[in-house]
Amino acid sequence: DKYYRQVDPTGSGRVAAADAALFLKRSGLADLVLGKIWDLADSERKGSLNKQQFFIALRLVACAQNGLEVALKSLNVAVPPPKFHDTSSPLLAGGGGVDIPWVVKPEEKMKFDSIFDSLGPVGGMLSGEKVKPVLLNSKLPVDILGRVWELSDLDRDGMLDKDEFSVAMYLVYRALEGEPVPMSLPPPLVPPSKRKKPWVVSPADKTKYDELFSKTDGDMDGLVSGPEVRDIFLKTGLPSATLARIWELCDIGDIGKLTREQFALALHLINLKLTKGLDPPQSLSPEMIPPSDRQNIKQNNAVNLAADFSAIKELDSLSNEIVELQREKSSVEEEIKEKEEAIRERSCEVQDLQDDVAKESGELQRLQSQRQKVQEALEELDQQKGSLEEQLTHIRQQTSQETQLISSLQSEHEDQEQRICQYEEELVQAREELLALQEESRRLQEKVQAAQEQLTPLQESVRDSFTQVAQVRNSAYPFGGDPFKGSDPFAADSFFTQPSGTTFSSEDPFAASADPFGTTAATNDPFAPGDRIHYPFAAVFGNESFGGGFADFSALAKVIVRNQPVISQQ
C-alpha cells in the first residue's frame, strides 16, 4: 500500500505505464527482467496497472531479487518484501558518511532498546502492528506518525530493528518537543549500522564468501586460481563472457589468481547479476576495490606517474606524426563510413522488402487457408441446417399429435372424474340406505324375537287345551244339558262377536245328526284328523295339529272359555 500510494497519489485506481516503469527501475533489476514482470502483471494488455496488478508486479520484483524465477508460479513462494532505491534516503542516495556521529545519545539508545525488547521482537525485528500502539500513544497526528515510520524503515522491509526503532522514537520525542519531522532523514540520524561503507561487500556476505574461499583454497596459500574456482563460477549459470569479465575486474594485480577479498568481490558481482540483473561495470568504482588492494593501487599509480613523465618527450615527437596520420585516417574512415552507411541503408531496405514480401505471402497463405476452412464450415453448417429443419418438422408433427392425444386424454379424464364423483355420491347414498335398512332389520328382528317370546307360552297353553279337549272327547258327556244353549258365552269377546242380528239357535248345533265334527264330517272339515288348523286359529295357535276331531264342541268351548284371557290379550 505504501508503494502504491507513491505511484497513485490521487487514488485514481490506475497506474500509468510510464509511472510504473519509473518506479520499478528503482528495484535495480535489468530492463529485460522488468519487461517480463510488466507482461505478467499487465495481463489485460491495457498499458496500465490496477492496484491488484501492481501488487503482483511488486511480488515478482521480490522474487527476482531473491533469485527466483520470474513466473506466476513463484507468487506463492514466501520471500522478503521487495527493495527499492529511495533517493530521499541519505543511506540509499549515498549520503551519510561513516565518520558523522549519530545524534542518538547512548543513554537514549538504552531507553529505546528497553522499549524495543518489551514489545516482544521476533528475530530481532518488530512488525508494524507491534510498533503502531507505541506511536499512537504519542497522540501525534497520523500523517506525522506515517512520516516517522517512512523515515525509520530504512531498508523498506516493513519492520524495524533496534536501530531503526531508535530513530523512530527519537523523531517522536523531538516532535513532542515541537521540532518538525523532516521530509528526509538527515545524515546524522542514519544509524552507523545502516550507513554505506567504503566496500560494497557487506560483513555478512564477506563471512559467507570467506567460508567458501577456505574450502576452495586447497593449497592454503591464500590465493585461488582459475581452475580452482571454475566449477563454482560455472554453477552460477552465467555466460562465460560475463564470468571472464568478472575475473578480469577482480584480478587487480593481473597474477591469474584471486585473494580472499578479490574472491569475495567476484562472488558479489556474480550475485548482483543473478539477483538484480546488473552487468559487471567497465571498471571498479572506489567502493568496489577491496580494502587490501587500495594502498597497492596508490603505490602503483605513483610509479606509473614517474614513468609517464619520462615518456612524455618521446610521445610529443610522435604525436605530430600521429595527428597527420589520424587526419588522413579520419578522411578515409569518413568515406568508408558513408559508403558503409549507404550499403547498410540499401541492405536494410532490401531486407525490409524481403520481410514484407515474406510477411504478405504468409498472410496470404493464412487467409487462403482460413477461407477454405470457413467455406468448409459453411457447407457443414448448411447440411446441419437442412438436417435440423427436417428434425424440426418431424418434431412439430409429433408435437401436434401428442397435443391432440393429450386433449383427448384430458377430456376422458374429466369425464371419468365426473363419473367417479357421481359414483361416490351414489355410494354414499347407498351406504346411508344400507345403514337405514340394517337398522330397520335390527328393529324388526327385535320385534320378532319379542313376539316369539310371547307366543311360546301361548302355544304351550293351547297345547294343554287341546290335550284337555281330547280327554273330554273320549269321555261321556258329563253335563245334563248344554250350558250354552240359547246364549253366547263369547258375547263379551270381540274375537267371537257375531254380526248384528245374529243369535244362537235354540237347537243344539252339536247334535249327533248335525255334528260337524263327527266321523262322517264333510270332506272340507278343517278339523279332520291329520289336517292343520287354519286362520284365525293359526294366527293364535300356530301350526299345531288338532289330531282327531272333537266329539263334542261344548268341551272345546269350555277350554276356550278357560283360556279366553290369554286369547284376548294375544
Protein backbone atom coordinates (compact mmCIF):
# COMPACT_ATOMS: atom_id res chain seq x y z
CA ASP A 1 0.00 0.00 0.00
CA LYS A 2 2.84 2.38 0.79
CA TYR A 3 4.45 1.80 -2.60
CA TYR A 4 1.09 2.06 -4.36
CA ARG A 5 0.37 5.44 -2.78
CA GLN A 6 3.66 6.68 -4.22
CA VAL A 7 2.69 5.82 -7.80
CA ASP A 8 -1.02 6.68 -7.44
CA PRO A 9 -1.15 9.63 -5.00
CA THR A 10 -4.60 10.76 -6.26
CA GLY A 11 -6.21 7.37 -5.70
CA SER A 12 -7.36 7.01 -9.31
CA GLY A 13 -7.09 3.23 -9.16
CA ARG A 14 -4.77 3.00 -12.18
CA VAL A 15 -1.00 3.32 -12.59
CA ALA A 16 0.21 4.52 -15.97
CA ALA A 17 2.97 2.59 -17.74
CA ALA A 18 5.44 5.46 -17.51
CA ASP A 19 4.91 5.93 -13.76
CA ALA A 20 5.13 2.20 -13.09
CA ALA A 21 8.30 1.84 -15.19
CA LEU A 22 9.97 4.77 -13.42
CA PHE A 23 9.17 3.24 -10.03
CA LEU A 24 10.13 -0.35 -10.90
CA LYS A 25 13.53 0.76 -12.25
CA ARG A 26 14.39 1.68 -8.68
CA SER A 27 14.46 -2.06 -7.94
CA GLY A 28 17.85 -2.31 -9.71
CA LEU A 29 16.66 -5.18 -11.92
CA ALA A 30 17.63 -5.40 -15.58
CA ASP A 31 15.24 -3.92 -18.14
CA LEU A 32 14.71 -7.38 -19.63
CA VAL A 33 13.55 -8.71 -16.27
CA LEU A 34 11.36 -5.67 -15.66
CA GLY A 35 9.79 -6.13 -19.11
CA LYS A 36 8.86 -9.71 -18.26
CA ILE A 37 7.43 -8.56 -14.91
CA TRP A 38 5.32 -5.94 -16.72
CA ASP A 39 3.98 -8.50 -19.20
CA LEU A 40 2.90 -10.82 -16.37
CA ALA A 41 1.32 -8.02 -14.33
CA ASP A 42 -0.47 -6.32 -17.25
CA SER A 43 -2.37 -9.48 -18.14
CA GLU A 44 -5.20 -7.49 -19.77
CA ARG A 45 -2.74 -5.61 -22.04
CA LYS A 46 -4.26 -2.23 -21.14
CA GLY A 47 -0.95 -0.42 -20.80
CA SER A 48 -1.68 0.37 -17.14
CA LEU A 49 -1.99 -1.47 -13.83
CA ASN A 50 -4.73 -1.52 -11.24
CA LYS A 51 -3.91 -1.94 -7.58
CA GLN A 52 -4.00 -5.75 -7.61
CA GLN A 53 -1.85 -5.93 -10.75
CA PHE A 54 0.66 -3.50 -9.20
CA PHE A 55 0.87 -5.78 -6.15
CA ILE A 56 1.62 -8.71 -8.49
CA ALA A 57 4.42 -6.67 -10.05
CA LEU A 58 5.89 -5.92 -6.61
CA ARG A 59 5.70 -9.61 -5.71
CA LEU A 60 7.53 -10.59 -8.89
CA VAL A 61 10.21 -7.96 -8.17
CA ALA A 62 10.74 -9.55 -4.76
CA CYS A 63 11.01 -12.98 -6.40
CA ALA A 64 13.62 -11.74 -8.88
CA GLN A 65 15.62 -10.04 -6.13
CA ASN A 66 15.72 -13.30 -4.21
CA GLY A 67 16.90 -15.40 -7.14
CA LEU A 68 13.53 -16.99 -8.02
CA GLU A 69 12.14 -17.43 -11.50
CA VAL A 70 10.02 -14.53 -12.74
CA ALA A 71 6.80 -16.51 -13.24
CA LEU A 72 3.27 -16.61 -11.83
CA LYS A 73 4.03 -19.88 -10.05
CA SER A 74 6.58 -18.01 -7.90
CA LEU A 75 3.87 -15.76 -6.43
CA ASN A 76 3.04 -18.35 -3.75
CA VAL A 77 6.64 -18.65 -2.54
CA ALA A 78 7.41 -16.84 0.72
CA VAL A 79 10.02 -14.13 0.04
CA PRO A 80 11.07 -10.91 1.80
CA PRO A 81 9.44 -7.67 0.63
CA PRO A 82 10.93 -6.01 -2.48
CA LYS A 83 13.62 -3.38 -2.06
CA PHE A 84 13.73 -0.10 -4.00
CA HIS A 85 16.35 2.63 -4.06
CA ASP A 86 14.95 5.71 -2.34
CA THR A 87 16.56 8.99 -3.40
CA SER A 88 15.08 10.69 -0.34
CA SER A 89 17.07 8.41 1.98
CA PRO A 90 20.65 9.53 2.73
CA LEU A 91 21.58 5.89 3.19
CA LEU A 92 20.46 4.78 -0.24
CA ALA A 93 21.35 8.02 -2.01
CA GLY A 94 24.99 7.74 -0.98
CA GLY A 95 24.96 10.38 1.75
CA GLY A 96 25.78 9.96 5.37
CA GLY A 97 29.47 9.48 5.87
CA VAL A 98 30.85 6.88 8.21
CA ASP A 99 32.59 9.46 10.38
CA ILE A 100 29.49 11.55 11.14
CA PRO A 101 28.45 10.91 14.77
CA TRP A 102 24.97 9.57 15.45
CA VAL A 103 22.67 12.09 17.11
CA VAL A 104 21.02 9.40 19.25
CA LYS A 105 22.88 9.52 22.56
CA PRO A 106 23.92 6.31 24.35
CA GLU A 107 21.52 6.89 27.25
CA GLU A 108 18.66 7.46 24.80
CA LYS A 109 19.65 4.35 22.88
CA MET A 110 19.50 2.28 26.09
CA LYS A 111 16.00 3.57 26.85
CA PHE A 112 14.81 2.92 23.32
CA ASP A 113 16.32 -0.58 23.37
CA SER A 114 14.46 -1.34 26.60
CA ILE A 115 11.15 -0.33 25.00
CA PHE A 116 12.06 -2.38 21.92
CA ASP A 117 12.68 -5.52 24.00
CA SER A 118 9.40 -5.07 25.92
CA LEU A 119 7.40 -5.25 22.67
CA GLY A 120 8.44 -8.87 22.01
CA PRO A 121 10.55 -8.69 18.86
CA VAL A 122 10.78 -11.77 16.64
CA GLY A 123 14.19 -12.44 15.15
CA GLY A 124 15.36 -9.03 16.29
CA MET A 125 12.55 -7.29 14.35
CA LEU A 126 9.27 -5.56 15.26
CA SER A 127 6.33 -5.61 12.89
CA GLY A 128 4.21 -2.57 12.17
CA GLU A 129 1.36 -3.99 14.27
CA LYS A 130 3.58 -4.05 17.36
CA VAL A 131 5.06 -0.59 16.80
CA LYS A 132 1.73 1.06 15.95
CA PRO A 133 0.34 1.24 19.55
CA VAL A 134 3.57 2.86 20.80
CA LEU A 135 3.43 5.52 18.11
CA LEU A 136 -0.29 6.19 18.66
CA ASN A 137 0.30 6.71 22.39
CA SER A 138 2.27 9.83 21.49
CA LYS A 139 -1.01 11.49 20.36
CA LEU A 140 0.78 12.92 17.33
CA PRO A 141 -1.22 13.35 14.10
CA VAL A 142 -1.49 10.24 11.98
CA ASP A 143 0.23 11.86 9.00
CA ILE A 144 3.22 12.81 11.18
CA LEU A 145 3.44 9.26 12.54
CA GLY A 146 3.26 7.92 8.98
CA ARG A 147 6.23 10.08 8.02
CA VAL A 148 8.13 8.88 11.12
CA TRP A 149 7.59 5.29 10.02
CA GLU A 150 8.72 6.05 6.46
CA LEU A 151 11.92 7.67 7.69
CA SER A 152 12.67 4.95 10.24
CA ASP A 153 12.17 1.92 7.95
CA LEU A 154 15.48 2.50 6.20
CA ASP A 155 15.66 -0.87 4.42
CA ARG A 156 11.95 -0.74 3.44
CA ASP A 157 11.16 -4.22 4.73
CA GLY A 158 8.01 -3.23 6.65
CA MET A 159 9.69 -3.94 10.03
CA LEU A 160 12.05 -2.15 12.42
CA ASP A 161 15.21 -3.46 14.02
CA LYS A 162 16.69 -1.90 17.18
CA ASP A 163 18.50 0.92 15.38
CA GLU A 164 15.51 1.76 13.18
CA PHE A 165 13.23 1.73 16.24
CA SER A 166 15.62 4.14 17.98
CA VAL A 167 15.35 6.52 15.01
CA ALA A 168 11.54 6.34 15.19
CA MET A 169 11.46 7.04 18.92
CA TYR A 170 14.00 9.89 18.52
CA LEU A 171 11.79 11.56 15.90
CA VAL A 172 8.66 11.08 18.05
CA TYR A 173 10.28 12.68 21.13
CA ARG A 174 11.59 15.60 19.08
CA ALA A 175 8.15 16.09 17.55
CA LEU A 176 6.60 16.16 21.03
CA GLU A 177 9.08 18.90 21.88
CA GLY A 178 7.84 20.97 18.96
CA GLU A 179 10.52 20.15 16.40
CA PRO A 180 9.25 19.43 12.87
CA VAL A 181 9.67 15.96 11.43
CA PRO A 182 12.00 16.28 8.39
CA MET A 183 10.84 15.22 4.93
CA SER A 184 14.05 13.17 4.52
CA LEU A 185 16.31 11.64 7.12
CA PRO A 186 19.37 13.84 7.82
CA PRO A 187 22.76 12.05 7.63
CA PRO A 188 23.41 12.39 11.39
CA LEU A 189 20.17 10.47 12.08
CA VAL A 190 21.23 7.48 9.96
CA PRO A 191 22.40 4.71 12.35
CA PRO A 192 26.04 3.69 11.86
CA SER A 193 24.86 0.16 11.11
CA LYS A 194 22.81 1.49 8.20
CA ARG A 195 25.39 3.81 6.69
CA LYS A 196 27.01 3.00 3.39
CA LYS A 197 30.58 1.53 3.88
CA PRO A 198 33.66 2.11 1.79
CA TRP A 199 33.34 -1.52 0.45
CA VAL A 200 30.25 -2.88 -1.30
CA VAL A 201 30.61 -6.39 0.19
CA SER A 202 28.66 -6.48 3.47
CA PRO A 203 30.23 -8.14 6.54
CA ALA A 204 27.61 -10.91 6.44
CA ASP A 205 28.31 -11.68 2.79
CA LYS A 206 32.05 -11.43 3.44
CA THR A 207 31.80 -14.08 6.15
CA LYS A 208 29.84 -16.39 3.85
CA TYR A 209 32.28 -15.87 0.97
CA ASP A 210 35.29 -16.44 3.27
CA GLU A 211 33.92 -19.87 4.23
CA LEU A 212 33.64 -20.81 0.58
CA PHE A 213 37.14 -19.43 -0.10
CA SER A 214 38.61 -21.59 2.67
CA LYS A 215 37.02 -24.68 1.13
CA THR A 216 38.29 -23.73 -2.33
CA ASP A 217 41.88 -22.80 -1.35
CA GLY A 218 43.20 -26.35 -1.31
CA ASP A 219 46.92 -25.49 -1.01
CA MET A 220 46.22 -22.93 1.75
CA ASP A 221 48.37 -20.24 0.06
CA GLY A 222 45.72 -17.53 0.45
CA LEU A 223 45.05 -17.47 -3.29
CA VAL A 224 42.65 -19.34 -5.59
CA SER A 225 43.41 -19.97 -9.25
CA GLY A 226 41.07 -20.15 -12.22
CA PRO A 227 40.86 -23.97 -12.23
CA GLU A 228 40.04 -23.94 -8.52
CA VAL A 229 37.06 -21.58 -8.90
CA ARG A 230 35.97 -22.80 -12.33
CA ASP A 231 33.28 -25.16 -11.02
CA ILE A 232 31.94 -22.54 -8.61
CA PHE A 233 31.66 -19.94 -11.37
CA LEU A 234 30.09 -22.29 -13.90
CA LYS A 235 27.41 -23.47 -11.43
CA THR A 236 26.01 -19.92 -11.43
CA GLY A 237 24.79 -20.44 -14.98
CA LEU A 238 26.16 -17.08 -16.18
CA PRO A 239 27.67 -16.84 -19.69
CA SER A 240 31.39 -17.50 -19.94
CA ALA A 241 31.99 -13.99 -21.25
CA THR A 242 30.39 -12.45 -18.17
CA LEU A 243 32.40 -14.70 -15.83
CA ALA A 244 35.60 -13.82 -17.69
CA ARG A 245 34.82 -10.11 -17.34
CA ILE A 246 34.25 -10.50 -13.59
CA TRP A 247 37.53 -12.42 -13.22
CA GLU A 248 39.36 -9.66 -15.14
CA LEU A 249 37.94 -6.96 -12.88
CA CYS A 250 38.71 -8.80 -9.63
CA ASP A 251 42.24 -9.94 -10.62
CA ILE A 252 43.54 -6.48 -9.81
CA GLY A 253 47.22 -7.49 -9.78
CA ASP A 254 46.76 -9.47 -13.01
CA ILE A 255 48.50 -12.50 -11.48
CA GLY A 256 45.97 -15.13 -12.57
CA LYS A 257 44.80 -15.70 -9.00
CA LEU A 258 42.41 -14.06 -6.56
CA THR A 259 42.98 -13.13 -2.93
CA ARG A 260 40.34 -13.71 -0.27
CA GLU A 261 38.86 -10.22 -0.71
CA GLN A 262 39.08 -10.37 -4.51
CA PHE A 263 37.26 -13.72 -4.43
CA ALA A 264 34.53 -12.15 -2.24
CA LEU A 265 34.22 -9.24 -4.70
CA ALA A 266 33.87 -11.68 -7.63
CA LEU A 267 31.02 -13.55 -5.88
CA HIS A 268 29.41 -10.21 -5.03
CA LEU A 269 29.38 -9.15 -8.70
CA ILE A 270 28.02 -12.58 -9.70
CA ASN A 271 25.24 -12.26 -7.12
CA LEU A 272 24.32 -8.79 -8.44
CA LYS A 273 23.96 -10.23 -11.93
CA LEU A 274 21.86 -13.16 -10.72
CA THR A 275 19.52 -11.31 -8.37
CA LYS A 276 19.27 -7.83 -9.89
CA GLY A 277 20.44 -8.37 -13.45
CA LEU A 278 23.26 -5.83 -13.06
CA ASP A 279 26.07 -6.36 -15.54
CA PRO A 280 29.69 -6.06 -14.36
CA PRO A 281 30.96 -2.44 -14.56
CA GLN A 282 33.53 -1.33 -17.10
CA SER A 283 35.88 -0.60 -14.21
CA LEU A 284 35.81 -0.90 -10.44
CA SER A 285 34.44 2.10 -8.58
CA PRO A 286 36.33 3.21 -5.44
CA GLU A 287 33.86 1.48 -3.09
CA MET A 288 34.24 -1.77 -5.07
CA ILE A 289 38.02 -2.00 -4.69
CA PRO A 290 38.94 -4.41 -1.86
CA PRO A 291 40.43 -2.55 1.13
CA SER A 292 43.69 -4.54 0.97
CA ASP A 293 44.23 -3.55 -2.69
CA ARG A 294 43.61 0.19 -2.30
CA GLN A 295 47.12 1.02 -0.95
CA ASN A 296 48.78 -1.08 -3.64
CA ILE A 297 46.83 0.77 -6.27
CA LYS A 298 48.02 4.13 -4.88
CA GLN A 299 51.66 2.98 -4.95
CA ASN A 300 51.31 1.62 -8.47
CA ASN A 301 49.77 4.88 -9.56
CA ALA A 302 52.81 6.84 -8.22
CA VAL A 303 55.29 4.60 -10.03
CA ASN A 304 53.31 4.79 -13.20
CA LEU A 305 53.18 8.58 -12.92
CA ALA A 306 57.01 8.85 -12.82
CA ALA A 307 57.37 6.60 -15.82
CA ASP A 308 54.81 8.62 -17.64
CA PHE A 309 56.85 11.84 -17.20
CA SER A 310 59.93 10.22 -18.83
CA ALA A 311 57.93 9.17 -21.82
CA ILE A 312 56.25 12.49 -22.39
CA LYS A 313 59.01 13.87 -24.62
CA GLU A 314 59.08 10.81 -26.85
CA LEU A 315 55.36 10.93 -27.13
CA ASP A 316 55.47 14.58 -28.13
CA SER A 317 57.69 13.75 -31.12
CA LEU A 318 55.39 11.08 -32.23
CA SER A 319 52.23 12.99 -31.60
CA ASN A 320 52.58 15.25 -34.63
CA GLU A 321 53.06 12.30 -36.96
CA ILE A 322 50.18 10.60 -35.36
CA VAL A 323 48.00 13.67 -35.85
CA GLU A 324 48.71 13.69 -39.59
CA LEU A 325 48.05 10.02 -39.90
CA GLN A 326 44.89 10.42 -37.92
CA ARG A 327 43.67 13.17 -40.23
CA GLU A 328 44.22 11.00 -43.29
CA LYS A 329 42.74 8.08 -41.49
CA SER A 330 39.76 10.14 -40.47
CA SER A 331 39.03 11.20 -44.02
CA VAL A 332 39.29 7.63 -45.26
CA GLU A 333 37.23 6.34 -42.40
CA GLU A 334 34.62 9.01 -43.04
CA GLU A 335 34.37 7.96 -46.68
CA ILE A 336 34.20 4.32 -45.67
CA LYS A 337 31.52 5.11 -43.09
CA GLU A 338 29.43 6.94 -45.66
CA LYS A 339 29.64 4.04 -48.10
CA GLU A 340 29.03 1.53 -45.38
CA GLU A 341 26.08 3.57 -44.21
CA ALA A 342 24.68 3.61 -47.74
CA ILE A 343 25.22 -0.12 -48.02
CA ARG A 344 23.52 -0.66 -44.69
CA GLU A 345 20.61 1.50 -45.73
CA ARG A 346 20.20 -0.36 -49.01
CA SER A 347 20.61 -3.68 -47.25
CA CYS A 348 18.03 -2.66 -44.67
CA GLU A 349 15.63 -1.57 -47.39
CA VAL A 350 16.13 -4.83 -49.27
CA GLN A 351 15.75 -6.80 -46.07
CA ASP A 352 12.64 -4.85 -45.17
CA LEU A 353 11.15 -5.54 -48.58
CA GLN A 354 12.02 -9.20 -48.31
CA ASP A 355 10.47 -9.31 -44.88
CA ASP A 356 7.38 -7.55 -46.17
CA VAL A 357 7.10 -9.99 -49.09
CA ALA A 358 7.53 -12.97 -46.80
CA LYS A 359 5.07 -11.50 -44.34
CA GLU A 360 2.47 -10.76 -47.03
CA SER A 361 2.97 -14.21 -48.56
CA GLY A 362 2.48 -15.84 -45.22
CA GLU A 363 -0.56 -13.66 -44.58
CA LEU A 364 -1.98 -14.57 -48.00
CA GLN A 365 -1.49 -18.26 -47.36
CA ARG A 366 -3.04 -17.92 -43.95
CA LEU A 367 -6.07 -16.09 -45.38
CA GLN A 368 -6.48 -18.67 -48.14
CA SER A 369 -6.33 -21.47 -45.63
CA GLN A 370 -8.74 -19.61 -43.42
CA ARG A 371 -11.09 -19.03 -46.39
CA GLN A 372 -11.04 -22.74 -47.20
CA LYS A 373 -11.81 -23.63 -43.60
CA VAL A 374 -14.62 -21.08 -43.47
CA GLN A 375 -16.09 -22.45 -46.73
CA GLU A 376 -15.99 -25.99 -45.40
CA ALA A 377 -17.51 -24.88 -42.14
CA LEU A 378 -20.27 -23.03 -44.04
CA GLU A 379 -21.10 -26.13 -46.09
CA GLU A 380 -21.17 -28.24 -42.98
CA LEU A 381 -23.47 -25.72 -41.32
CA ASP A 382 -25.80 -25.81 -44.34
CA GLN A 383 -26.00 -29.57 -44.04
CA GLN A 384 -26.66 -29.31 -40.33
CA LYS A 385 -29.30 -26.67 -41.02
CA GLY A 386 -31.16 -28.94 -43.50
CA SER A 387 -31.00 -31.86 -41.10
CA LEU A 388 -32.22 -29.72 -38.23
CA GLU A 389 -35.10 -28.36 -40.31
CA GLU A 390 -36.23 -31.91 -41.12
CA GLN A 391 -35.96 -32.86 -37.48
CA LEU A 392 -37.91 -29.71 -36.53
CA THR A 393 -40.74 -30.56 -38.97
CA HIS A 394 -40.94 -34.13 -37.67
CA ILE A 395 -40.89 -32.92 -34.08
CA ARG A 396 -43.64 -30.39 -34.80
CA GLN A 397 -45.83 -33.15 -36.28
CA GLN A 398 -45.22 -35.34 -33.27
CA THR A 399 -45.91 -32.36 -31.04
CA SER A 400 -49.28 -31.75 -32.76
CA GLN A 401 -50.23 -35.42 -32.44
CA GLU A 402 -49.20 -35.50 -28.83
CA THR A 403 -51.18 -32.29 -28.19
CA GLN A 404 -54.34 -33.82 -29.68
CA LEU A 405 -53.82 -37.02 -27.75
CA ILE A 406 -53.30 -35.06 -24.57
CA SER A 407 -56.51 -33.08 -25.20
CA SER A 408 -58.45 -36.31 -25.77
CA LEU A 409 -56.99 -37.88 -22.66
CA GLN A 410 -57.78 -34.74 -20.66
CA SER A 411 -61.42 -34.85 -21.81
CA GLU A 412 -61.67 -38.53 -20.98
CA HIS A 413 -60.02 -37.84 -17.66
CA GLU A 414 -62.55 -35.11 -16.85
CA ASP A 415 -65.45 -37.46 -17.78
CA GLN A 416 -64.04 -40.17 -15.59
CA GLU A 417 -63.63 -37.70 -12.74
CA GLN A 418 -67.30 -36.67 -13.12
CA ARG A 419 -68.38 -40.32 -13.16
CA ILE A 420 -66.24 -41.01 -10.15
CA CYS A 421 -67.84 -38.09 -8.31
CA GLN A 422 -71.31 -39.36 -9.28
CA TYR A 423 -70.43 -42.89 -8.22
CA GLU A 424 -69.07 -41.60 -4.95
CA GLU A 425 -72.31 -39.68 -4.28
CA GLU A 426 -74.38 -42.77 -5.16
CA LEU A 427 -72.13 -44.90 -2.99
CA VAL A 428 -72.61 -42.52 -0.06
CA GLN A 429 -76.38 -42.59 -0.59
CA ALA A 430 -76.40 -46.39 -0.91
CA ARG A 431 -74.39 -46.70 2.26
CA GLU A 432 -76.84 -44.45 4.08
CA GLU A 433 -79.79 -46.55 2.80
CA LEU A 434 -77.96 -49.74 3.77
CA LEU A 435 -77.40 -48.41 7.24
CA ALA A 436 -81.07 -47.47 7.48
CA LEU A 437 -82.18 -50.90 6.25
CA GLN A 438 -79.78 -52.59 8.62
CA GLU A 439 -81.21 -50.53 11.49
CA GLU A 440 -84.81 -51.38 10.39
CA SER A 441 -83.88 -55.07 10.09
CA ARG A 442 -82.40 -54.94 13.55
CA ARG A 443 -85.62 -53.42 14.98
CA LEU A 444 -87.78 -55.95 13.20
CA GLN A 445 -85.64 -58.80 14.47
CA GLU A 446 -86.06 -57.42 17.98
CA LYS A 447 -89.85 -57.28 17.49
CA VAL A 448 -89.95 -60.81 16.04
CA GLN A 449 -87.87 -62.02 18.97
CA ALA A 450 -90.21 -60.34 21.42
CA ALA A 451 -93.29 -61.79 19.67
CA GLN A 452 -91.70 -65.20 19.63
CA GLU A 453 -91.05 -64.93 23.35
CA GLN A 454 -94.75 -64.01 23.94
CA LEU A 455 -96.07 -66.67 21.54
CA THR A 456 -94.19 -69.52 23.16
CA PRO A 457 -96.23 -69.61 26.42
CA LEU A 458 -99.48 -69.24 24.46
CA GLN A 459 -98.59 -72.17 22.27
CA GLU A 460 -97.92 -74.22 25.37
CA SER A 461 -101.29 -73.19 26.75
CA VAL A 462 -103.09 -74.12 23.53
CA ARG A 463 -101.37 -77.50 23.51
CA ASP A 464 -102.60 -78.06 27.04
CA SER A 465 -106.10 -77.03 25.94
CA PHE A 466 -106.06 -79.42 23.02
CA THR A 467 -104.94 -82.15 25.31
CA GLN A 468 -107.86 -81.50 27.67
CA VAL A 469 -110.31 -81.34 24.72
CA ALA A 470 -109.09 -84.69 23.56
CA GLN A 471 -109.62 -86.10 27.02
CA VAL A 472 -113.15 -84.67 27.15
CA ARG A 473 -113.89 -86.08 23.72
CA ASN A 474 -113.01 -89.61 24.84
CA SER A 475 -115.18 -89.45 27.99
CA ALA A 476 -119.00 -89.43 28.31
CA TYR A 477 -120.72 -86.05 28.26
CA PRO A 478 -120.93 -85.16 31.98
CA PHE A 479 -123.38 -82.33 31.74
CA GLY A 480 -127.06 -82.96 31.61
CA GLY A 481 -127.68 -80.39 29.01
CA ASP A 482 -125.77 -77.80 27.00
CA PRO A 483 -124.98 -74.89 29.35
CA PHE A 484 -124.53 -72.59 26.40
CA LYS A 485 -127.78 -73.42 24.72
CA GLY A 486 -129.74 -70.33 23.88
CA SER A 487 -126.89 -67.92 24.87
CA ASP A 488 -123.50 -66.81 23.52
CA PRO A 489 -120.75 -67.40 26.04
CA PHE A 490 -118.33 -65.30 23.92
CA ALA A 491 -120.57 -62.31 23.52
CA ALA A 492 -118.22 -60.15 25.57
CA ASP A 493 -115.16 -61.04 23.45
CA SER A 494 -114.79 -59.12 20.23
CA PHE A 495 -112.98 -62.04 18.79
CA PHE A 496 -116.16 -64.12 18.80
CA THR A 497 -118.65 -61.34 18.22
CA GLN A 498 -121.39 -62.31 15.74
CA PRO A 499 -122.68 -59.95 13.15
CA SER A 500 -125.56 -57.71 14.17
CA GLY A 501 -128.89 -59.50 14.44
CA THR A 502 -127.37 -62.89 14.73
CA THR A 503 -128.41 -65.17 17.68
CA PHE A 504 -127.66 -68.69 18.66
CA SER A 505 -130.23 -71.21 17.59
CA SER A 506 -132.19 -72.92 20.31
CA GLU A 507 -131.36 -76.13 18.76
CA ASP A 508 -128.24 -78.00 19.72
CA PRO A 509 -125.82 -77.45 16.88
CA PHE A 510 -123.74 -80.32 18.11
CA ALA A 511 -126.50 -82.95 17.93
CA ALA A 512 -125.48 -86.24 16.56
CA SER A 513 -127.44 -85.69 13.42
CA ALA A 514 -125.79 -82.41 12.73
CA ASP A 515 -122.34 -82.73 14.44
CA PRO A 516 -119.87 -81.32 12.00
CA PHE A 517 -117.02 -82.93 13.90
CA GLY A 518 -118.40 -86.40 13.70
CA THR A 519 -116.78 -89.21 11.98
CA THR A 520 -118.99 -88.58 8.97
CA ALA A 521 -117.96 -84.95 8.59
CA ALA A 522 -117.75 -83.31 5.20
CA THR A 523 -114.64 -83.60 3.20
CA ASN A 524 -113.87 -79.96 3.88
CA ASP A 525 -113.73 -80.47 7.65
CA PRO A 526 -110.85 -78.38 8.77
CA PHE A 527 -110.57 -80.33 11.98
CA ALA A 528 -110.34 -83.76 10.39
CA PRO A 529 -107.53 -85.95 11.62
CA GLY A 530 -104.20 -85.04 10.06
CA ASP A 531 -105.34 -81.59 8.95
CA ARG A 532 -103.74 -78.39 10.18
CA ILE A 533 -105.73 -75.64 11.94
CA HIS A 534 -106.39 -72.59 9.73
CA TYR A 535 -106.83 -68.89 10.35
CA PRO A 536 -107.85 -67.34 12.69
CA PHE A 537 -106.74 -70.24 14.89
CA ALA A 538 -103.45 -70.44 13.03
CA ALA A 539 -102.63 -66.89 13.99
CA VAL A 540 -103.30 -67.78 17.63
CA PHE A 541 -102.23 -71.41 17.96
CA GLY A 542 -99.56 -71.62 15.21
CA ASN A 543 -99.49 -74.71 13.01
CA GLU A 544 -100.39 -77.14 15.81
CA SER A 545 -102.30 -80.18 14.55
CA PHE A 546 -105.55 -80.98 16.30
CA GLY A 547 -105.03 -84.68 15.80
CA GLY A 548 -108.53 -86.25 15.69
CA GLY A 549 -111.87 -84.26 15.55
CA PHE A 550 -113.89 -83.10 18.61
CA ALA A 551 -116.75 -85.45 19.76
CA ASP A 552 -118.50 -82.57 21.45
CA PHE A 553 -117.79 -78.87 20.69
CA SER A 554 -119.06 -77.93 24.12
CA ALA A 555 -115.89 -79.31 25.63
CA LEU A 556 -113.91 -77.17 23.25
CA ALA A 557 -115.94 -74.19 24.27
CA LYS A 558 -115.05 -74.76 27.90
CA VAL A 559 -111.40 -74.94 27.08
CA ILE A 560 -111.69 -71.72 25.13
CA VAL A 561 -113.52 -70.01 27.98
CA ARG A 562 -110.85 -71.11 30.37
CA ASN A 563 -108.11 -69.68 28.08
CA GLN A 564 -110.02 -66.62 26.98
CA PRO A 565 -107.93 -64.12 28.99
CA VAL A 566 -104.83 -65.29 27.18
CA ILE A 567 -106.56 -65.24 23.82
CA SER A 568 -107.97 -61.79 24.42
CA GLN A 569 -104.56 -60.48 25.35
CA GLN A 570 -102.96 -62.02 22.24
